[in-house]
PDB file of N, CA and C in Angstrom:
ATOM      1  N   MET A   1     -17.082  10.993   4.160  1.00  0.00           N
ATOM      2  CA  MET A   1     -18.052  12.063   3.275  1.00  0.00           C
ATOM      3  C   MET A   1     -18.249  13.110   4.002  1.00  0.00           C
ATOM      4  N   ILE A   2     -18.106  14.295   3.514  1.00  0.00           N
ATOM      5  CA  ILE A   2     -18.644  15.336   4.157  1.00  0.00           C
ATOM      6  C   ILE A   2     -19.801  16.007   3.158  1.00  0.00           C
ATOM      7  N   ILE A   3     -21.052  16.647   4.155  1.00  0.00           N
ATOM      8  CA  ILE A   3     -21.939  17.043   3.876  1.00  0.00           C
ATOM      9  C   ILE A   3     -22.390  18.054   4.474  1.00  0.00           C
ATOM     10  N   LYS A   4     -22.199  19.732   3.497  1.00  0.00           N
ATOM     11  CA  LYS A   4     -22.726  20.533   4.010  1.00  0.00           C
ATOM     12  C   LYS A   4     -23.743  20.963   3.580  1.00  0.00           C
ATOM     13  N   ILE A   5     -24.795  21.611   4.435  1.00  0.00           N
ATOM     14  CA  ILE A   5     -26.542  21.809   4.075  1.00  0.00           C
ATOM     15  C   ILE A   5     -26.599  23.712   4.301  1.00  0.00           C
ATOM     16  N   ILE A   6     -26.738  23.879   3.721  1.00  0.00           N
ATOM     17  CA  ILE A   6     -27.041  25.499   3.616  1.00  0.00           C
ATOM     18  C   ILE A   6     -28.283  25.979   3.314  1.00  0.00           C
ATOM     19  N   ASN A   7     -29.000  26.370   4.400  1.00  0.00           N
ATOM     20  CA  ASN A   7     -30.607  26.841   4.140  1.00  0.00           C
ATOM     21  C   ASN A   7     -30.878  28.239   3.750  1.00  0.00           C
ATOM     22  N   LYS A   8     -31.459  28.488   2.593  1.00  0.00           N
ATOM     23  CA  LYS A   8     -31.624  29.773   2.061  1.00  0.00           C
ATOM     24  C   LYS A   8     -32.942  29.904   1.656  1.00  0.00           C
ATOM     25  N   ASN A   9     -33.973  30.111   2.099  1.00  0.00           N
ATOM     26  CA  ASN A   9     -35.482  30.284   2.037  1.00  0.00           C
ATOM     27  C   ASN A   9     -35.921  31.835   2.295  1.00  0.00           C
ATOM     28  N   ILE A  10     -36.819  32.336   1.922  1.00  0.00           N
ATOM     29  CA  ILE A  10     -37.341  33.838   2.309  1.00  0.00           C
ATOM     30  C   ILE A  10     -38.624  33.286   3.277  1.00  0.00           C
ATOM     31  N   ASN A  11     -38.201  33.892   5.075  1.00  0.00           N
ATOM     32  CA  ASN A  11     -38.940  33.951   6.147  1.00  0.00           C
ATOM     33  C   ASN A  11     -40.139  35.296   5.868  1.00  0.00           C
ATOM     34  N   PRO A  12     -40.878  35.136   6.785  1.00  0.00           N
ATOM     35  CA  PRO A  12     -41.975  36.340   7.120  1.00  0.00           C
ATOM     36  C   PRO A  12     -41.055  37.712   7.558  1.00  0.00           C
ATOM     37  N   GLU A  13     -39.743  37.744   8.029  1.00  0.00           N
ATOM     38  CA  GLU A  13     -39.135  38.793   7.960  1.00  0.00           C
ATOM     39  C   GLU A  13     -38.215  39.369   6.953  1.00  0.00           C
ATOM     40  N   GLY A  14     -38.354  38.557   5.912  1.00  0.00           N
ATOM     41  CA  GLY A  14     -38.101  39.106   4.325  1.00  0.00           C
ATOM     42  C   GLY A  14     -36.265  38.474   4.651  1.00  0.00           C
ATOM     43  N   VAL A  15     -35.940  37.746   5.627  1.00  0.00           N
ATOM     44  CA  VAL A  15     -35.123  37.120   5.619  1.00  0.00           C
ATOM     45  C   VAL A  15     -34.718  35.644   4.725  1.00  0.00           C
ATOM     46  N   ILE A  16     -33.606  35.867   3.748  1.00  0.00           N
ATOM     47  CA  ILE A  16     -33.455  34.999   2.862  1.00  0.00           C
ATOM     48  C   ILE A  16     -32.860  33.779   3.285  1.00  0.00           C
ATOM     49  N   LEU A  17     -33.173  32.715   3.103  1.00  0.00           N
ATOM     50  CA  LEU A  17     -32.982  31.549   3.583  1.00  0.00           C
ATOM     51  C   LEU A  17     -33.311  30.428   2.411  1.00  0.00           C
ATOM     52  N   LYS A  18     -32.240  30.116   2.018  1.00  0.00           N
ATOM     53  CA  LYS A  18     -32.058  28.951   0.560  1.00  0.00           C
ATOM     54  C   LYS A  18     -31.566  27.640   1.285  1.00  0.00           C
ATOM     55  N   ARG A  19     -32.128  26.125   0.692  1.00  0.00           N
ATOM     56  CA  ARG A  19     -31.742  25.281   1.525  1.00  0.00           C
ATOM     57  C   ARG A  19     -30.910  24.687   0.153  1.00  0.00           C
ATOM     58  N   THR A  20     -29.573  24.439  -0.097  1.00  0.00           N
ATOM     59  CA  THR A  20     -28.592  23.546  -0.824  1.00  0.00           C
ATOM     60  C   THR A  20     -27.767  22.550  -0.178  1.00  0.00           C
ATOM     61  N   ILE A  21     -27.333  21.513  -1.064  1.00  0.00           N
ATOM     62  CA  ILE A  21     -26.379  20.465  -0.230  1.00  0.00           C
ATOM     63  C   ILE A  21     -25.314  20.692  -1.027  1.00  0.00           C
ATOM     64  N   ILE A  22     -24.147  20.470  -0.261  1.00  0.00           N
ATOM     65  CA  ILE A  22     -22.995  20.629  -1.065  1.00  0.00           C
ATOM     66  C   ILE A  22     -22.115  19.010  -0.862  1.00  0.00           C
ATOM     67  N   MET A  23     -21.842  18.324  -1.346  1.00  0.00           N
ATOM     68  CA  MET A  23     -21.421  17.380  -0.822  1.00  0.00           C
ATOM     69  C   MET A  23     -19.607  17.149  -1.501  1.00  0.00           C
ATOM     70  N   ALA A  24     -18.838  17.233  -0.581  1.00  0.00           N
ATOM     71  CA  ALA A  24     -17.160  16.869  -1.077  1.00  0.00           C
ATOM     72  C   ALA A  24     -17.114  15.604  -1.557  1.00  0.00           C
ATOM     73  N   GLY A  25     -15.843  15.374  -2.291  1.00  0.00           N
ATOM     74  CA  GLY A  25     -15.249  14.062  -2.524  1.00  0.00           C
ATOM     75  C   GLY A  25     -15.272  13.155  -1.746  1.00  0.00           C
ATOM     76  N   THR A  26     -15.298  12.150  -2.287  1.00  0.00           N
ATOM     77  CA  THR A  26     -15.730  10.928  -1.740  1.00  0.00           C
ATOM     78  C   THR A  26     -14.222  10.258  -1.313  1.00  0.00           C
ATOM     79  N   PHE A  27     -13.983   9.777  -0.463  1.00  0.00           N
ATOM     80  CA  PHE A  27     -12.411   8.981  -0.002  1.00  0.00           C
ATOM     81  C   PHE A  27     -12.595   7.377  -0.084  1.00  0.00           C
ATOM     82  N   SER A  28     -11.903   6.852  -0.651  1.00  0.00           N
ATOM     83  CA  SER A  28     -12.086   5.171  -0.555  1.00  0.00           C
ATOM     84  C   SER A  28     -10.512   4.743   0.084  1.00  0.00           C
ATOM     85  N   GLN A  29     -10.539   3.683   0.611  1.00  0.00           N
ATOM     86  CA  GLN A  29      -9.341   3.099   0.962  1.00  0.00           C
ATOM     87  C   GLN A  29      -9.557   1.699   1.147  1.00  0.00           C
ATOM     88  N   LEU A  30      -8.890   0.791   0.451  1.00  0.00           N
ATOM     89  CA  LEU A  30      -8.549  -0.852   0.470  1.00  0.00           C
ATOM     90  C   LEU A  30      -7.679  -1.209   1.507  1.00  0.00           C
ATOM     91  N   TYR A  31      -7.979  -2.020   2.511  1.00  0.00           N
ATOM     92  CA  TYR A  31      -7.016  -2.681   3.198  1.00  0.00           C
ATOM     93  C   TYR A  31      -6.715  -4.315   2.509  1.00  0.00           C
ATOM     94  N   ILE A  32      -5.540  -4.445   2.047  1.00  0.00           N
ATOM     95  CA  ILE A  32      -5.168  -5.590   1.673  1.00  0.00           C
ATOM     96  C   ILE A  32      -3.788  -6.261   2.394  1.00  0.00           C
ATOM     97  N   GLN A  33      -3.706  -7.602   2.556  1.00  0.00           N
ATOM     98  CA  GLN A  33      -2.722  -8.202   2.996  1.00  0.00           C
ATOM     99  C   GLN A  33      -2.087  -9.437   1.798  1.00  0.00           C
ATOM    100  N   THR A  34      -1.167  -8.677   1.549  1.00  0.00           N
ATOM    101  CA  THR A  34       0.083  -9.715   0.641  1.00  0.00           C
ATOM    102  C   THR A  34       0.740 -10.671   1.171  1.00  0.00           C
ATOM    103  N   VAL A  35       1.027 -11.982   0.875  1.00  0.00           N
ATOM    104  CA  VAL A  35       1.963 -12.742   1.003  1.00  0.00           C
ATOM    105  C   VAL A  35       2.796 -13.456  -0.149  1.00  0.00           C
ATOM    106  N   PHE A  36       3.965 -13.106  -0.212  1.00  0.00           N
ATOM    107  CA  PHE A  36       4.721 -13.974  -1.266  1.00  0.00           C
ATOM    108  C   PHE A  36       6.005 -14.598  -0.574  1.00  0.00           C
ATOM    109  N   ALA A  37       6.175 -15.295  -1.539  1.00  0.00           N
ATOM    110  CA  ALA A  37       7.458 -16.068  -0.800  1.00  0.00           C
ATOM    111  C   ALA A  37       8.626 -16.383  -1.943  1.00  0.00           C
ATOM    112  N   VAL A  38       9.744 -16.504  -1.320  1.00  0.00           N
ATOM    113  CA  VAL A  38      10.805 -16.937  -1.787  1.00  0.00           C
ATOM    114  C   VAL A  38      10.804 -18.339  -2.854  1.00  0.00           C
ATOM    115  N   LYS A  39      11.063 -17.893  -4.119  1.00  0.00           N
ATOM    116  CA  LYS A  39      11.171 -19.215  -5.094  1.00  0.00           C
ATOM    117  C   LYS A  39      11.920 -20.573  -4.263  1.00  0.00           C
ATOM    118  N   GLY A  40      10.957 -21.533  -4.346  1.00  0.00           N
ATOM    119  CA  GLY A  40      11.318 -22.816  -4.096  1.00  0.00           C
ATOM    120  C   GLY A  40      11.087 -22.918  -2.480  1.00  0.00           C
ATOM    121  N   ARG A  41      10.234 -21.927  -1.694  1.00  0.00           N
ATOM    122  CA  ARG A  41      10.466 -21.825  -0.712  1.00  0.00           C
ATOM    123  C   ARG A  41      11.580 -22.096   0.389  1.00  0.00           C
ATOM    124  N   GLY A  42      12.550 -21.406  -0.176  1.00  0.00           N
ATOM    125  CA  GLY A  42      14.199 -21.483   0.311  1.00  0.00           C
ATOM    126  C   GLY A  42      13.910 -20.892   1.469  1.00  0.00           C
ATOM    127  N   ASN A  43      14.529 -20.854   2.741  1.00  0.00           N
ATOM    128  CA  ASN A  43      14.760 -20.251   3.953  1.00  0.00           C
ATOM    129  C   ASN A  43      16.215 -19.196   3.661  1.00  0.00           C
ATOM    130  N   LEU A  44      15.891 -18.342   2.704  1.00  0.00           N
ATOM    131  CA  LEU A  44      17.013 -17.535   2.376  1.00  0.00           C
ATOM    132  C   LEU A  44      17.034 -15.816   2.806  1.00  0.00           C
ATOM    133  N   ILE A  45      15.987 -15.783   3.234  1.00  0.00           N
ATOM    134  CA  ILE A  45      15.805 -14.343   4.348  1.00  0.00           C
ATOM    135  C   ILE A  45      15.944 -14.651   5.267  1.00  0.00           C
ATOM    136  N   ASP A  46      17.481 -14.024   5.352  1.00  0.00           N
ATOM    137  CA  ASP A  46      18.425 -14.255   7.228  1.00  0.00           C
ATOM    138  C   ASP A  46      18.114 -13.003   8.200  1.00  0.00           C
ATOM    139  N   LYS A  47      17.639 -13.417   9.497  1.00  0.00           N
ATOM    140  CA  LYS A  47      17.565 -12.353  10.093  1.00  0.00           C
ATOM    141  C   LYS A  47      18.463 -11.146  10.445  1.00  0.00           C
ATOM    142  N   LYS A  48      19.411 -11.268   9.991  1.00  0.00           N
ATOM    143  CA  LYS A  48      20.673 -10.215  10.106  1.00  0.00           C
ATOM    144  C   LYS A  48      20.452  -8.891   9.001  1.00  0.00           C
ATOM    145  N   TRP A  49      19.362  -9.138   8.399  1.00  0.00           N
ATOM    146  CA  TRP A  49      19.303  -8.373   7.264  1.00  0.00           C
ATOM    147  C   TRP A  49      17.609  -8.102   6.525  1.00  0.00           C
ATOM    148  N   ARG A  50      16.922  -8.848   6.982  1.00  0.00           N
ATOM    149  CA  ARG A  50      15.350  -9.065   6.961  1.00  0.00           C
ATOM    150  C   ARG A  50      14.435  -7.515   7.529  1.00  0.00           C
ATOM    151  N   ASP A  51      15.068  -7.125   8.590  1.00  0.00           N
ATOM    152  CA  ASP A  51      14.485  -5.606   8.883  1.00  0.00           C
ATOM    153  C   ASP A  51      14.932  -4.789   7.776  1.00  0.00           C
ATOM    154  N   GLU A  52      15.979  -4.646   7.481  1.00  0.00           N
ATOM    155  CA  GLU A  52      16.354  -4.009   5.782  1.00  0.00           C
ATOM    156  C   GLU A  52      15.706  -4.038   4.869  1.00  0.00           C
ATOM    157  N   LEU A  53      15.164  -5.133   4.475  1.00  0.00           N
ATOM    158  CA  LEU A  53      14.491  -5.674   3.435  1.00  0.00           C
ATOM    159  C   LEU A  53      13.110  -4.981   3.537  1.00  0.00           C
ATOM    160  N   CYS A  54      12.494  -5.161   4.782  1.00  0.00           N
ATOM    161  CA  CYS A  54      11.346  -4.939   4.817  1.00  0.00           C
ATOM    162  C   CYS A  54      11.034  -3.467   5.209  1.00  0.00           C
ATOM    163  N   LYS A  55      12.147  -2.510   5.440  1.00  0.00           N
ATOM    164  CA  LYS A  55      12.232  -1.299   5.374  1.00  0.00           C
ATOM    165  C   LYS A  55      11.953  -0.951   4.094  1.00  0.00           C
ATOM    166  N   TYR A  56      12.895  -1.281   3.293  1.00  0.00           N
ATOM    167  CA  TYR A  56      13.078  -1.072   1.837  1.00  0.00           C
ATOM    168  C   TYR A  56      11.906  -1.278   1.039  1.00  0.00           C
ATOM    169  N   ILE A  57      10.870  -2.391   1.472  1.00  0.00           N
ATOM    170  CA  ILE A  57       9.705  -3.023   0.446  1.00  0.00           C
ATOM    171  C   ILE A  57       8.938  -1.938   1.118  1.00  0.00           C
ATOM    172  N   SER A  58       8.804  -1.494   2.651  1.00  0.00           N
ATOM    173  CA  SER A  58       8.059  -0.345   2.670  1.00  0.00           C
ATOM    174  C   SER A  58       7.960   0.993   1.994  1.00  0.00           C
ATOM    175  N   GLY A  59       9.245   1.119   1.578  1.00  0.00           N
ATOM    176  CA  GLY A  59       9.920   2.284   1.026  1.00  0.00           C
ATOM    177  C   GLY A  59       9.249   2.168  -0.641  1.00  0.00           C
ATOM    178  N   ILE A  60       9.247   0.953  -1.180  1.00  0.00           N
ATOM    179  CA  ILE A  60       8.869   0.656  -2.511  1.00  0.00           C
ATOM    180  C   ILE A  60       7.032   1.477  -2.669  1.00  0.00           C
ATOM    181  N   ILE A  61       6.173   0.745  -1.476  1.00  0.00           N
ATOM    182  CA  ILE A  61       4.815   0.998  -1.235  1.00  0.00           C
ATOM    183  C   ILE A  61       4.698   2.225  -1.028  1.00  0.00           C
ATOM    184  N   LYS A  62       5.457   3.138  -0.252  1.00  0.00           N
ATOM    185  CA  LYS A  62       5.321   4.741  -0.027  1.00  0.00           C
ATOM    186  C   LYS A  62       5.594   5.247  -1.342  1.00  0.00           C
ATOM    187  N   GLY A  63       6.640   5.124  -2.231  1.00  0.00           N
ATOM    188  CA  GLY A  63       6.989   5.662  -3.410  1.00  0.00           C
ATOM    189  C   GLY A  63       6.097   5.348  -4.133  1.00  0.00           C
ATOM    190  N   LYS A  64       4.693   4.580  -4.570  1.00  0.00           N
ATOM    191  CA  LYS A  64       3.742   4.216  -5.240  1.00  0.00           C
ATOM    192  C   LYS A  64       2.907   4.997  -4.672  1.00  0.00           C
ATOM    193  N   ASP A  65       2.884   5.982  -3.812  1.00  0.00           N
ATOM    194  CA  ASP A  65       1.775   6.605  -3.372  1.00  0.00           C
ATOM    195  C   ASP A  65       0.676   5.867  -2.585  1.00  0.00           C
ATOM    196  N   GLN A  66       0.996   4.704  -1.895  1.00  0.00           N
ATOM    197  CA  GLN A  66       0.021   3.474  -1.161  1.00  0.00           C
ATOM    198  C   GLN A  66       0.603   3.957   0.319  1.00  0.00           C
ATOM    199  N   LYS A  67      -0.167   3.224   1.305  1.00  0.00           N
ATOM    200  CA  LYS A  67       0.051   3.510   2.588  1.00  0.00           C
ATOM    201  C   LYS A  67       0.973   2.012   2.821  1.00  0.00           C
ATOM    202  N   SER A  68       1.608   2.254   3.373  1.00  0.00           N
ATOM    203  CA  SER A  68       2.876   0.440   4.147  1.00  0.00           C
ATOM    204  C   SER A  68       2.233   0.847   5.649  1.00  0.00           C
ATOM    205  N   ILE A  69       1.428  -0.171   5.467  1.00  0.00           N
ATOM    206  CA  ILE A  69       0.842  -0.332   7.155  1.00  0.00           C
ATOM    207  C   ILE A  69       1.833  -0.980   8.253  1.00  0.00           C
ATOM    208  N   ILE A  70       2.214  -2.331   7.301  1.00  0.00           N
ATOM    209  CA  ILE A  70       3.366  -3.268   7.962  1.00  0.00           C
ATOM    210  C   ILE A  70       3.796  -3.686   6.985  1.00  0.00           C
ATOM    211  N   VAL A  71       4.925  -4.397   7.335  1.00  0.00           N
ATOM    212  CA  VAL A  71       5.958  -4.828   6.194  1.00  0.00           C
ATOM    213  C   VAL A  71       6.482  -5.972   7.193  1.00  0.00           C
ATOM    214  N   ASN A  72       6.283  -7.227   7.450  1.00  0.00           N
ATOM    215  CA  ASN A  72       7.450  -8.290   8.315  1.00  0.00           C
ATOM    216  C   ASN A  72       7.413  -9.641   7.344  1.00  0.00           C
ATOM    217  N   GLY A  73       7.987 -10.268   7.943  1.00  0.00           N
ATOM    218  CA  GLY A  73       8.412 -11.322   7.324  1.00  0.00           C
ATOM    219  C   GLY A  73       9.209 -12.591   8.180  1.00  0.00           C
ATOM    220  N   VAL A  74       9.432 -13.787   7.475  1.00  0.00           N
ATOM    221  CA  VAL A  74      10.300 -15.324   7.992  1.00  0.00           C
ATOM    222  C   VAL A  74      11.298 -15.300   7.132  1.00  0.00           C
ATOM    223  N   ALA A  75      11.821 -16.335   7.063  1.00  0.00           N
ATOM    224  CA  ALA A  75      13.198 -16.988   6.766  1.00  0.00           C
ATOM    225  C   ALA A  75      12.696 -17.272   4.884  1.00  0.00           C
ATOM    226  N   ASP A  76      11.039 -17.641   4.558  1.00  0.00           N
ATOM    227  CA  ASP A  76      10.687 -17.977   3.385  1.00  0.00           C
ATOM    228  C   ASP A  76      10.235 -17.341   2.899  1.00  0.00           C
ATOM    229  N   HIS A  77       8.974 -15.753   3.280  1.00  0.00           N
ATOM    230  CA  HIS A  77       8.164 -15.122   2.906  1.00  0.00           C
ATOM    231  C   HIS A  77       7.822 -14.187   3.921  1.00  0.00           C
ATOM    232  N   ILE A  78       7.223 -13.210   2.999  1.00  0.00           N
ATOM    233  CA  ILE A  78       7.223 -11.599   3.766  1.00  0.00           C
ATOM    234  C   ILE A  78       5.597 -11.378   3.611  1.00  0.00           C
ATOM    235  N   HIS A  79       5.020 -10.554   4.515  1.00  0.00           N
ATOM    236  CA  HIS A  79       3.858 -10.274   4.504  1.00  0.00           C
ATOM    237  C   HIS A  79       3.790  -8.787   4.206  1.00  0.00           C
ATOM    238  N   CYS A  80       2.455  -8.052   3.720  1.00  0.00           N
ATOM    239  CA  CYS A  80       2.521  -6.868   3.576  1.00  0.00           C
ATOM    240  C   CYS A  80       1.161  -6.197   3.861  1.00  0.00           C
ATOM    241  N   PHE A  81       1.094  -5.510   4.703  1.00  0.00           N
ATOM    242  CA  PHE A  81      -0.489  -4.894   5.019  1.00  0.00           C
ATOM    243  C   PHE A  81      -0.255  -3.484   4.434  1.00  0.00           C
ATOM    244  N   ILE A  82      -1.765  -3.382   3.596  1.00  0.00           N
ATOM    245  CA  ILE A  82      -1.199  -1.985   2.984  1.00  0.00           C
ATOM    246  C   ILE A  82      -2.690  -1.284   2.701  1.00  0.00           C
ATOM    247  N   GLY A  83      -2.670   0.054   2.632  1.00  0.00           N
ATOM    248  CA  GLY A  83      -3.585   0.850   2.399  1.00  0.00           C
ATOM    249  C   GLY A  83      -3.984   1.131   0.737  1.00  0.00           C
ATOM    250  N   LEU A  84      -4.713   0.446   0.227  1.00  0.00           N
ATOM    251  CA  LEU A  84      -4.526   0.602  -1.135  1.00  0.00           C
ATOM    252  C   LEU A  84      -5.370   1.466  -1.694  1.00  0.00           C
ATOM    253  N   LYS A  85      -4.807   2.591  -2.150  1.00  0.00           N
ATOM    254  CA  LYS A  85      -5.924   3.609  -3.294  1.00  0.00           C
ATOM    255  C   LYS A  85      -6.561   2.923  -4.616  1.00  0.00           C
ATOM    256  N   PRO A  86      -7.754   3.063  -4.640  1.00  0.00           N
ATOM    257  CA  PRO A  86      -8.423   2.129  -5.450  1.00  0.00           C
ATOM    258  C   PRO A  86      -7.930   2.431  -6.563  1.00  0.00           C
ATOM    259  N   SER A  87      -7.288   3.395  -7.151  1.00  0.00           N
ATOM    260  CA  SER A  87      -6.922   3.588  -8.138  1.00  0.00           C
ATOM    261  C   SER A  87      -5.602   2.404  -8.763  1.00  0.00           C
ATOM    262  N   MET A  88      -4.989   2.055  -7.981  1.00  0.00           N
ATOM    263  CA  MET A  88      -3.785   1.157  -8.191  1.00  0.00           C
ATOM    264  C   MET A  88      -4.299  -0.210  -7.860  1.00  0.00           C
ATOM    265  N   ALA A  89      -3.705  -1.070  -8.977  1.00  0.00           N
ATOM    266  CA  ALA A  89      -4.129  -2.357  -9.072  1.00  0.00           C
ATOM    267  C   ALA A  89      -3.088  -3.058  -8.169  1.00  0.00           C
ATOM    268  N   ILE A  90      -3.748  -4.004  -7.731  1.00  0.00           N
ATOM    269  CA  ILE A  90      -2.961  -5.164  -6.797  1.00  0.00           C
ATOM    270  C   ILE A  90      -1.271  -5.581  -7.643  1.00  0.00           C
ATOM    271  N   SER A  91      -1.873  -6.067  -8.417  1.00  0.00           N
ATOM    272  CA  SER A  91      -1.217  -6.738  -9.557  1.00  0.00           C
ATOM    273  C   SER A  91       0.305  -5.823 -10.021  1.00  0.00           C
ATOM    274  N   ASP A  92      -0.175  -4.719 -10.479  1.00  0.00           N
ATOM    275  CA  ASP A  92       1.201  -3.983 -10.774  1.00  0.00           C
ATOM    276  C   ASP A  92       1.939  -3.060  -9.568  1.00  0.00           C
ATOM    277  N   LEU A  93       1.432  -3.149  -8.070  1.00  0.00           N
ATOM    278  CA  LEU A  93       1.963  -2.776  -7.277  1.00  0.00           C
ATOM    279  C   LEU A  93       3.023  -4.050  -6.520  1.00  0.00           C
ATOM    280  N   MET A  94       2.395  -5.143  -6.786  1.00  0.00           N
ATOM    281  CA  MET A  94       3.043  -6.223  -6.221  1.00  0.00           C
ATOM    282  C   MET A  94       4.405  -6.543  -7.203  1.00  0.00           C
ATOM    283  N   ARG A  95       3.660  -6.474  -8.391  1.00  0.00           N
ATOM    284  CA  ARG A  95       5.240  -6.816  -9.664  1.00  0.00           C
ATOM    285  C   ARG A  95       6.182  -5.776  -9.255  1.00  0.00           C
ATOM    286  N   ASP A  96       6.089  -4.544  -8.881  1.00  0.00           N
ATOM    287  CA  ASP A  96       7.051  -3.307  -8.647  1.00  0.00           C
ATOM    288  C   ASP A  96       7.551  -3.638  -7.303  1.00  0.00           C
ATOM    289  N   VAL A  97       6.759  -4.085  -6.312  1.00  0.00           N
ATOM    290  CA  VAL A  97       7.611  -4.555  -4.948  1.00  0.00           C
ATOM    291  C   VAL A  97       8.628  -5.811  -5.295  1.00  0.00           C
ATOM    292  N   LYS A  98       8.054  -6.907  -5.647  1.00  0.00           N
ATOM    293  CA  LYS A  98       8.762  -8.147  -5.923  1.00  0.00           C
ATOM    294  C   LYS A  98      10.086  -7.801  -6.918  1.00  0.00           C
ATOM    295  N   ASN A  99      10.114  -7.012  -8.309  1.00  0.00           N
ATOM    296  CA  ASN A  99      10.880  -6.758  -9.130  1.00  0.00           C
ATOM    297  C   ASN A  99      11.981  -5.895  -8.220  1.00  0.00           C
ATOM    298  N   ASN A 100      11.322  -4.824  -7.567  1.00  0.00           N
ATOM    299  CA  ASN A 100      12.626  -4.003  -6.733  1.00  0.00           C
ATOM    300  C   ASN A 100      13.153  -4.424  -5.729  1.00  0.00           C
ATOM    301  N   SER A 101      12.208  -5.155  -5.096  1.00  0.00           N
ATOM    302  CA  SER A 101      13.456  -5.820  -3.595  1.00  0.00           C
ATOM    303  C   SER A 101      14.170  -7.034  -4.056  1.00  0.00           C
ATOM    304  N   SER A 102      13.872  -7.798  -5.101  1.00  0.00           N
ATOM    305  CA  SER A 102      14.738  -8.503  -5.402  1.00  0.00           C
ATOM    306  C   SER A 102      15.931  -8.332  -6.341  1.00  0.00           C
ATOM    307  N   LYS A 103      15.966  -7.011  -6.469  1.00  0.00           N
ATOM    308  CA  LYS A 103      17.292  -6.407  -7.014  1.00  0.00           C
ATOM    309  C   LYS A 103      18.103  -5.810  -6.166  1.00  0.00           C
ATOM    310  N   PHE A 104      17.303  -5.381  -5.165  1.00  0.00           N
ATOM    311  CA  PHE A 104      18.009  -5.079  -3.948  1.00  0.00           C
ATOM    312  C   PHE A 104      18.801  -5.617  -3.604  1.00  0.00           C
ATOM    313  N   ILE A 105      18.129  -7.176  -3.191  1.00  0.00           N
ATOM    314  CA  ILE A 105      18.671  -8.218  -2.554  1.00  0.00           C
ATOM    315  C   ILE A 105      19.826  -8.496  -3.149  1.00  0.00           C
ATOM    316  N   ASN A 106      19.823  -8.720  -4.426  1.00  0.00           N
ATOM    317  CA  ASN A 106      20.942  -9.303  -5.410  1.00  0.00           C
ATOM    318  C   ASN A 106      22.003  -7.895  -5.437  1.00  0.00           C
ATOM    319  N   ASP A 107      21.963  -7.117  -5.662  1.00  0.00           N
ATOM    320  CA  ASP A 107      22.642  -5.707  -5.551  1.00  0.00           C
ATOM    321  C   ASP A 107      23.641  -5.666  -4.158  1.00  0.00           C
ATOM    322  N   LYS A 108      23.069  -6.200  -2.981  1.00  0.00           N
ATOM    323  CA  LYS A 108      23.576  -6.151  -1.900  1.00  0.00           C
ATOM    324  C   LYS A 108      23.946  -7.482  -1.221  1.00  0.00           C
ATOM    325  N   VAL A 109      24.273  -8.290  -2.664  1.00  0.00           N
ATOM    326  CA  VAL A 109      24.698  -9.777  -2.232  1.00  0.00           C
ATOM    327  C   VAL A 109      24.397 -10.427  -0.968  1.00  0.00           C
ATOM    328  N   PHE A 110      22.706 -10.374  -0.460  1.00  0.00           N
ATOM    329  CA  PHE A 110      22.486 -10.829   0.714  1.00  0.00           C
ATOM    330  C   PHE A 110      22.659 -12.362   0.674  1.00  0.00           C
ATOM    331  N   VAL A 111      22.451 -12.776  -0.469  1.00  0.00           N
ATOM    332  CA  VAL A 111      22.654 -14.491  -0.695  1.00  0.00           C
ATOM    333  C   VAL A 111      23.566 -14.702  -1.930  1.00  0.00           C
ATOM    334  N   LYS A 112      23.892 -15.963  -1.566  1.00  0.00           N
ATOM    335  CA  LYS A 112      24.916 -16.310  -3.000  1.00  0.00           C
ATOM    336  C   LYS A 112      24.247 -17.140  -4.100  1.00  0.00           C
ATOM    337  N   GLY A 113      24.262 -16.502  -5.295  1.00  0.00           N
ATOM    338  CA  GLY A 113      23.638 -17.095  -6.281  1.00  0.00           C
ATOM    339  C   GLY A 113      22.579 -16.136  -6.519  1.00  0.00           C
ATOM    340  N   LYS A 114      21.571 -16.183  -7.545  1.00  0.00           N
ATOM    341  CA  LYS A 114      20.506 -15.429  -7.507  1.00  0.00           C
ATOM    342  C   LYS A 114      19.298 -15.183  -6.758  1.00  0.00           C
ATOM    343  N   PHE A 115      19.038 -14.044  -6.253  1.00  0.00           N
ATOM    344  CA  PHE A 115      17.595 -14.187  -5.484  1.00  0.00           C
ATOM    345  C   PHE A 115      16.134 -13.832  -6.042  1.00  0.00           C
ATOM    346  N   SER A 116      15.408 -14.644  -5.942  1.00  0.00           N
ATOM    347  CA  SER A 116      14.051 -14.292  -6.925  1.00  0.00           C
ATOM    348  C   SER A 116      12.811 -14.609  -5.865  1.00  0.00           C
ATOM    349  N   TRP A 117      11.776 -14.435  -6.159  1.00  0.00           N
ATOM    350  CA  TRP A 117      10.277 -14.366  -5.636  1.00  0.00           C
ATOM    351  C   TRP A 117       9.791 -15.731  -6.089  1.00  0.00           C
ATOM    352  N   GLN A 118       8.641 -16.196  -5.678  1.00  0.00           N
ATOM    353  CA  GLN A 118       7.677 -17.295  -6.318  1.00  0.00           C
ATOM    354  C   GLN A 118       7.408 -16.596  -7.377  1.00  0.00           C
ATOM    355  N   GLU A 119       6.639 -17.106  -8.399  1.00  0.00           N
ATOM    356  CA  GLU A 119       5.738 -16.454  -9.619  1.00  0.00           C
ATOM    357  C   GLU A 119       4.419 -16.328  -9.347  1.00  0.00           C
ATOM    358  N   GLY A 120       3.804 -15.375  -9.424  1.00  0.00           N
ATOM    359  CA  GLY A 120       2.362 -14.690  -9.236  1.00  0.00           C
ATOM    360  C   GLY A 120       2.675 -13.770  -8.397  1.00  0.00           C
TER     361      GLY A 120
END
């Protein structure tokens, strides 16, 4: 928060000095960590394409005007550390991340059969 103070009153020499306080807008940022797993906790996220998936998920987060600090994972789940603006609902962001990333995995045919994330 930025506070600017301006003094303006009349002093004995006739100089006008007046005191007012002007406050700039408030900035808020929430930091969250999310973890979501492959449906059935299957070890389906292969090292060969894991980095590409993490970059794609990071791009989804940035595309929603949020701050992707780090996205990483292992064979059966992904971690996202996110700077979230208070105007964005976590559930809305994660719905979009999971929907778009599972579509990405299926379109690229990274796994046999249909890929999906666990519910929730």
